[in-house]
Amino acid sequence: MRIPRDKSFVEVEIERYTGGSTDLTSGQWQDAELVLVADAEIDIQPKTGSETDSFSGSSYNKRLAGFIGIDDITFSTGFSMIMQGDLVDQKYKVVDIKDWLTHYELQLEQL
């Protein structure tokens, strides 16, 4: 499903830090990398305090809601879902995700 567009929709990249690890062949430490998970069109809206409380049971500053239609996201090879901790345009961190079958609702924290 594509969500009807208005001027608040923006094109974003959703990225994820891969965990650092030891290379099995060389034994050297490989630092974490930021990899592209998906490209998407998202509608980002501010949340009120009561909406934030009902979503996660706690209150935070600078929380926003992001809405992505299921057909408005293109996952990179090897990825099929958005996860907590992912970064949206390196401006927001995904705190929670709800998959409503037709769209994703992301709770975002401004970095």
N, C-alpha and C. Protein backbone atom coordinates (compact mmCIF):
# COMPACT_ATOMS: atom_id res chain seq x y z
N MET A 1 0.84 -1.18 0.00
CA MET A 1 0.00 0.00 0.00
C MET A 1 0.89 1.24 0.00
N ARG A 2 0.51 2.20 -0.82
CA ARG A 2 1.19 3.48 -0.83
C ARG A 2 0.34 4.48 -0.05
N ILE A 3 0.98 5.21 0.83
CA ILE A 3 0.28 6.22 1.61
C ILE A 3 0.12 7.46 0.73
N PRO A 4 -1.06 8.09 0.71
CA PRO A 4 -1.24 9.31 -0.08
C PRO A 4 -0.20 10.36 0.30
N ARG A 5 0.37 11.03 -0.69
CA ARG A 5 1.46 11.98 -0.50
C ARG A 5 0.97 13.38 -0.20
N ASP A 6 1.74 14.03 0.66
CA ASP A 6 1.62 15.48 0.82
C ASP A 6 3.04 16.02 0.95
N LYS A 7 3.19 17.28 1.21
CA LYS A 7 4.52 17.88 1.22
C LYS A 7 5.38 17.44 2.40
N SER A 8 4.80 16.75 3.39
CA SER A 8 5.59 16.34 4.54
C SER A 8 6.40 15.06 4.30
N PHE A 9 6.17 14.35 3.19
CA PHE A 9 6.93 13.14 2.88
C PHE A 9 8.32 13.51 2.38
N VAL A 10 9.32 12.76 2.85
CA VAL A 10 10.69 12.97 2.43
C VAL A 10 11.33 11.63 2.08
N GLU A 11 12.30 11.68 1.18
CA GLU A 11 13.08 10.49 0.82
C GLU A 11 14.19 10.35 1.84
N VAL A 12 14.36 9.14 2.38
CA VAL A 12 15.38 8.90 3.40
C VAL A 12 16.13 7.60 3.12
N GLU A 13 17.29 7.49 3.76
CA GLU A 13 18.03 6.23 3.79
C GLU A 13 17.96 5.70 5.21
N ILE A 14 17.68 4.42 5.33
CA ILE A 14 17.66 3.77 6.64
C ILE A 14 18.92 2.93 6.71
N GLU A 15 19.72 3.17 7.75
CA GLU A 15 21.02 2.52 7.86
C GLU A 15 21.14 1.81 9.21
N ARG A 16 22.09 0.89 9.28
CA ARG A 16 22.30 0.09 10.49
C ARG A 16 23.79 -0.11 10.70
N TYR A 17 24.21 0.00 11.96
CA TYR A 17 25.59 -0.33 12.29
C TYR A 17 25.71 -1.84 12.41
N THR A 18 26.67 -2.39 11.68
CA THR A 18 26.97 -3.81 11.84
C THR A 18 27.92 -3.93 13.03
N GLY A 19 27.83 -4.99 13.76
CA GLY A 19 28.70 -5.16 14.92
C GLY A 19 30.13 -5.41 14.52
N GLY A 20 31.06 -4.89 15.28
CA GLY A 20 32.46 -5.18 15.04
C GLY A 20 32.74 -6.64 15.37
N SER A 21 33.74 -7.20 14.72
CA SER A 21 34.06 -8.60 14.95
C SER A 21 35.51 -8.87 14.58
N THR A 22 35.97 -10.04 14.96
CA THR A 22 37.32 -10.46 14.61
C THR A 22 37.27 -11.23 13.30
N ASP A 23 38.13 -10.84 12.35
CA ASP A 23 38.23 -11.54 11.07
C ASP A 23 38.81 -12.93 11.34
N LEU A 24 38.10 -13.97 10.92
CA LEU A 24 38.51 -15.34 11.21
C LEU A 24 39.81 -15.73 10.51
N THR A 25 40.10 -15.15 9.36
CA THR A 25 41.32 -15.52 8.63
C THR A 25 42.55 -14.77 9.13
N SER A 26 42.39 -13.46 9.42
CA SER A 26 43.56 -12.66 9.83
C SER A 26 43.67 -12.49 11.34
N GLY A 27 42.55 -12.67 12.05
CA GLY A 27 42.56 -12.47 13.49
C GLY A 27 42.51 -11.00 13.90
N GLN A 28 42.36 -10.10 12.92
CA GLN A 28 42.33 -8.67 13.21
C GLN A 28 40.89 -8.21 13.46
N TRP A 29 40.77 -7.19 14.30
CA TRP A 29 39.47 -6.63 14.62
C TRP A 29 38.95 -5.80 13.45
N GLN A 30 37.69 -6.04 13.08
CA GLN A 30 37.01 -5.27 12.04
C GLN A 30 36.02 -4.34 12.73
N ASP A 31 36.17 -3.04 12.56
CA ASP A 31 35.27 -2.08 13.20
C ASP A 31 33.87 -2.19 12.63
N ALA A 32 32.91 -1.71 13.41
CA ALA A 32 31.52 -1.68 12.97
C ALA A 32 31.40 -0.75 11.76
N GLU A 33 30.51 -1.09 10.85
CA GLU A 33 30.26 -0.28 9.65
C GLU A 33 28.81 0.16 9.63
N LEU A 34 28.55 1.28 8.98
CA LEU A 34 27.20 1.73 8.75
C LEU A 34 26.80 1.24 7.36
N VAL A 35 25.77 0.39 7.29
CA VAL A 35 25.34 -0.18 6.02
C VAL A 35 23.92 0.27 5.69
N LEU A 36 23.63 0.38 4.41
CA LEU A 36 22.32 0.79 3.93
C LEU A 36 21.35 -0.37 4.03
N VAL A 37 20.26 -0.18 4.78
CA VAL A 37 19.22 -1.20 4.93
C VAL A 37 18.14 -1.00 3.88
N ALA A 38 17.72 0.27 3.67
CA ALA A 38 16.62 0.54 2.75
C ALA A 38 16.58 2.01 2.37
N ASP A 39 15.92 2.27 1.25
CA ASP A 39 15.52 3.62 0.85
C ASP A 39 14.01 3.68 1.03
N ALA A 40 13.51 4.81 1.50
CA ALA A 40 12.07 4.90 1.75
C ALA A 40 11.58 6.33 1.63
N GLU A 41 10.27 6.45 1.44
CA GLU A 41 9.59 7.73 1.54
C GLU A 41 8.83 7.69 2.85
N ILE A 42 9.07 8.68 3.70
CA ILE A 42 8.51 8.65 5.05
C ILE A 42 7.84 9.97 5.38
N ASP A 43 6.77 9.87 6.15
CA ASP A 43 6.07 11.04 6.68
C ASP A 43 6.43 11.09 8.17
N ILE A 44 7.18 12.11 8.58
CA ILE A 44 7.62 12.25 9.97
C ILE A 44 6.78 13.32 10.64
N GLN A 45 6.16 12.95 11.77
CA GLN A 45 5.26 13.83 12.51
C GLN A 45 5.72 13.94 13.97
N PRO A 46 5.60 15.11 14.58
CA PRO A 46 5.93 15.23 16.01
C PRO A 46 4.89 14.49 16.84
N LYS A 47 5.29 14.00 18.00
CA LYS A 47 4.37 13.31 18.91
C LYS A 47 4.17 14.15 20.16
N THR A 48 2.97 14.05 20.72
CA THR A 48 2.72 14.71 22.00
C THR A 48 3.21 13.81 23.11
N GLY A 49 3.34 14.33 24.30
CA GLY A 49 3.79 13.55 25.44
C GLY A 49 2.90 12.36 25.73
N SER A 50 1.57 12.54 25.65
CA SER A 50 0.66 11.44 25.95
C SER A 50 0.75 10.35 24.89
N GLU A 51 0.96 10.72 23.62
CA GLU A 51 1.13 9.71 22.57
C GLU A 51 2.41 8.92 22.81
N THR A 52 3.48 9.59 23.22
CA THR A 52 4.74 8.91 23.52
C THR A 52 4.54 7.94 24.67
N ASP A 53 3.85 8.38 25.73
CA ASP A 53 3.61 7.52 26.89
C ASP A 53 2.82 6.27 26.50
N SER A 54 1.80 6.43 25.67
CA SER A 54 0.96 5.28 25.31
C SER A 54 1.71 4.31 24.40
N PHE A 55 2.67 4.80 23.65
CA PHE A 55 3.41 3.94 22.71
C PHE A 55 4.40 3.05 23.45
N SER A 56 5.13 3.61 24.42
CA SER A 56 6.21 2.85 25.04
C SER A 56 6.13 2.74 26.55
N GLY A 57 5.17 3.39 27.16
CA GLY A 57 5.06 3.33 28.60
C GLY A 57 6.01 4.26 29.33
N SER A 58 6.68 5.13 28.62
CA SER A 58 7.58 6.09 29.25
C SER A 58 7.60 7.38 28.46
N SER A 59 8.18 8.40 29.01
CA SER A 59 8.18 9.71 28.39
C SER A 59 9.59 10.13 28.00
N TYR A 60 9.77 10.66 26.80
CA TYR A 60 11.07 11.10 26.31
C TYR A 60 10.91 12.42 25.58
N ASN A 61 12.03 13.09 25.40
CA ASN A 61 12.04 14.32 24.63
C ASN A 61 12.37 14.01 23.17
N LYS A 62 11.97 14.93 22.30
CA LYS A 62 12.31 14.86 20.88
C LYS A 62 11.90 13.53 20.24
N ARG A 63 10.69 13.10 20.48
CA ARG A 63 10.18 11.88 19.86
C ARG A 63 9.27 12.25 18.70
N LEU A 64 9.35 11.45 17.66
CA LEU A 64 8.55 11.68 16.47
C LEU A 64 7.98 10.35 16.00
N ALA A 65 6.96 10.42 15.18
CA ALA A 65 6.40 9.22 14.56
C ALA A 65 6.69 9.30 13.07
N GLY A 66 7.09 8.17 12.50
CA GLY A 66 7.35 8.09 11.08
C GLY A 66 6.47 7.03 10.46
N PHE A 67 5.85 7.35 9.34
CA PHE A 67 4.95 6.42 8.66
C PHE A 67 5.48 6.11 7.27
N ILE A 68 5.63 4.80 6.98
CA ILE A 68 6.13 4.35 5.69
C ILE A 68 5.15 3.33 5.14
N GLY A 69 4.59 3.58 3.96
CA GLY A 69 3.74 2.59 3.30
C GLY A 69 4.57 1.39 2.90
N ILE A 70 3.99 0.22 2.96
CA ILE A 70 4.71 -1.02 2.66
C ILE A 70 5.30 -0.99 1.25
N ASP A 71 4.67 -0.27 0.34
CA ASP A 71 5.16 -0.17 -1.04
C ASP A 71 6.08 1.04 -1.24
N ASP A 72 6.33 1.78 -0.16
CA ASP A 72 7.17 2.97 -0.24
C ASP A 72 8.57 2.73 0.30
N ILE A 73 8.93 1.45 0.48
CA ILE A 73 10.24 1.12 1.01
C ILE A 73 10.90 0.09 0.10
N THR A 74 12.16 0.31 -0.19
CA THR A 74 12.94 -0.62 -1.01
C THR A 74 14.12 -1.09 -0.18
N PHE A 75 14.08 -2.37 0.22
CA PHE A 75 15.15 -2.92 1.04
C PHE A 75 16.36 -3.27 0.18
N SER A 76 17.54 -3.05 0.75
CA SER A 76 18.78 -3.46 0.10
C SER A 76 18.91 -4.97 0.16
N THR A 77 19.71 -5.53 -0.73
CA THR A 77 19.94 -6.97 -0.76
C THR A 77 20.41 -7.45 0.60
N GLY A 78 19.77 -8.49 1.10
CA GLY A 78 20.13 -9.07 2.39
C GLY A 78 19.34 -8.53 3.56
N PHE A 79 18.48 -7.54 3.33
CA PHE A 79 17.67 -6.97 4.40
C PHE A 79 16.20 -7.09 4.05
N SER A 80 15.37 -7.31 5.07
CA SER A 80 13.93 -7.44 4.83
C SER A 80 13.09 -6.77 5.91
N MET A 81 13.73 -6.12 6.87
CA MET A 81 12.96 -5.47 7.93
C MET A 81 13.75 -4.32 8.56
N ILE A 82 13.00 -3.41 9.17
CA ILE A 82 13.57 -2.32 9.94
C ILE A 82 13.68 -2.81 11.38
N MET A 83 14.76 -2.44 12.06
CA MET A 83 14.97 -2.90 13.44
C MET A 83 15.21 -1.72 14.37
N GLN A 84 14.98 -1.95 15.67
CA GLN A 84 15.32 -0.94 16.66
C GLN A 84 16.81 -0.62 16.54
N GLY A 85 17.14 0.64 16.68
CA GLY A 85 18.52 1.07 16.58
C GLY A 85 18.94 1.52 15.19
N ASP A 86 18.13 1.21 14.17
CA ASP A 86 18.44 1.69 12.83
C ASP A 86 18.40 3.21 12.81
N LEU A 87 19.13 3.80 11.88
CA LEU A 87 19.19 5.25 11.75
C LEU A 87 18.45 5.70 10.49
N VAL A 88 17.66 6.76 10.62
CA VAL A 88 16.94 7.34 9.49
C VAL A 88 17.65 8.63 9.13
N ASP A 89 18.31 8.62 7.97
CA ASP A 89 19.09 9.77 7.48
C ASP A 89 20.11 10.27 8.51
N GLN A 90 20.56 9.43 9.38
CA GLN A 90 21.51 9.76 10.44
C GLN A 90 21.04 10.95 11.28
N LYS A 91 19.73 11.20 11.29
CA LYS A 91 19.13 12.26 12.10
C LYS A 91 18.26 11.69 13.21
N TYR A 92 17.72 10.49 12.98
CA TYR A 92 16.79 9.88 13.92
C TYR A 92 17.17 8.42 14.17
N LYS A 93 16.94 7.98 15.38
CA LYS A 93 17.17 6.58 15.74
C LYS A 93 15.81 5.91 15.91
N VAL A 94 15.65 4.72 15.34
CA VAL A 94 14.40 3.97 15.48
C VAL A 94 14.35 3.38 16.89
N VAL A 95 13.34 3.78 17.66
CA VAL A 95 13.18 3.32 19.03
C VAL A 95 12.21 2.14 19.09
N ASP A 96 11.18 2.18 18.27
CA ASP A 96 10.19 1.10 18.25
C ASP A 96 9.55 1.05 16.87
N ILE A 97 9.06 -0.12 16.50
CA ILE A 97 8.45 -0.34 15.18
C ILE A 97 7.15 -1.08 15.35
N LYS A 98 6.14 -0.63 14.64
CA LYS A 98 4.88 -1.38 14.55
C LYS A 98 4.63 -1.66 13.08
N ASP A 99 4.39 -2.90 12.76
CA ASP A 99 4.09 -3.32 11.39
C ASP A 99 2.58 -3.53 11.30
N TRP A 100 1.89 -2.64 10.61
CA TRP A 100 0.43 -2.69 10.49
C TRP A 100 0.01 -3.37 9.19
N LEU A 101 0.86 -4.19 8.60
CA LEU A 101 0.63 -4.93 7.36
C LEU A 101 0.57 -4.04 6.13
N THR A 102 -0.06 -2.88 6.22
CA THR A 102 -0.11 -1.96 5.08
C THR A 102 0.93 -0.87 5.18
N HIS A 103 1.42 -0.62 6.39
CA HIS A 103 2.43 0.41 6.60
C HIS A 103 3.19 0.13 7.90
N TYR A 104 4.36 0.78 8.00
CA TYR A 104 5.15 0.73 9.22
C TYR A 104 4.92 2.03 9.98
N GLU A 105 4.83 1.92 11.29
CA GLU A 105 4.81 3.09 12.17
C GLU A 105 6.07 3.02 13.02
N LEU A 106 6.93 4.00 12.86
CA LEU A 106 8.20 4.02 13.59
C LEU A 106 8.15 5.09 14.66
N GLN A 107 8.61 4.75 15.85
CA GLN A 107 8.83 5.76 16.86
C GLN A 107 10.29 6.15 16.74
N LEU A 108 10.54 7.43 16.51
CA LEU A 108 11.88 7.93 16.25
C LEU A 108 12.34 8.85 17.37
N GLU A 109 13.62 8.82 17.65
CA GLU A 109 14.23 9.73 18.60
C GLU A 109 15.24 10.57 17.84
N GLN A 110 15.11 11.88 17.97
CA GLN A 110 16.02 12.77 17.26
C GLN A 110 17.40 12.68 17.88
N LEU A 111 18.42 12.57 17.03
CA LEU A 111 19.81 12.47 17.52
C LEU A 111 20.41 13.84 17.76
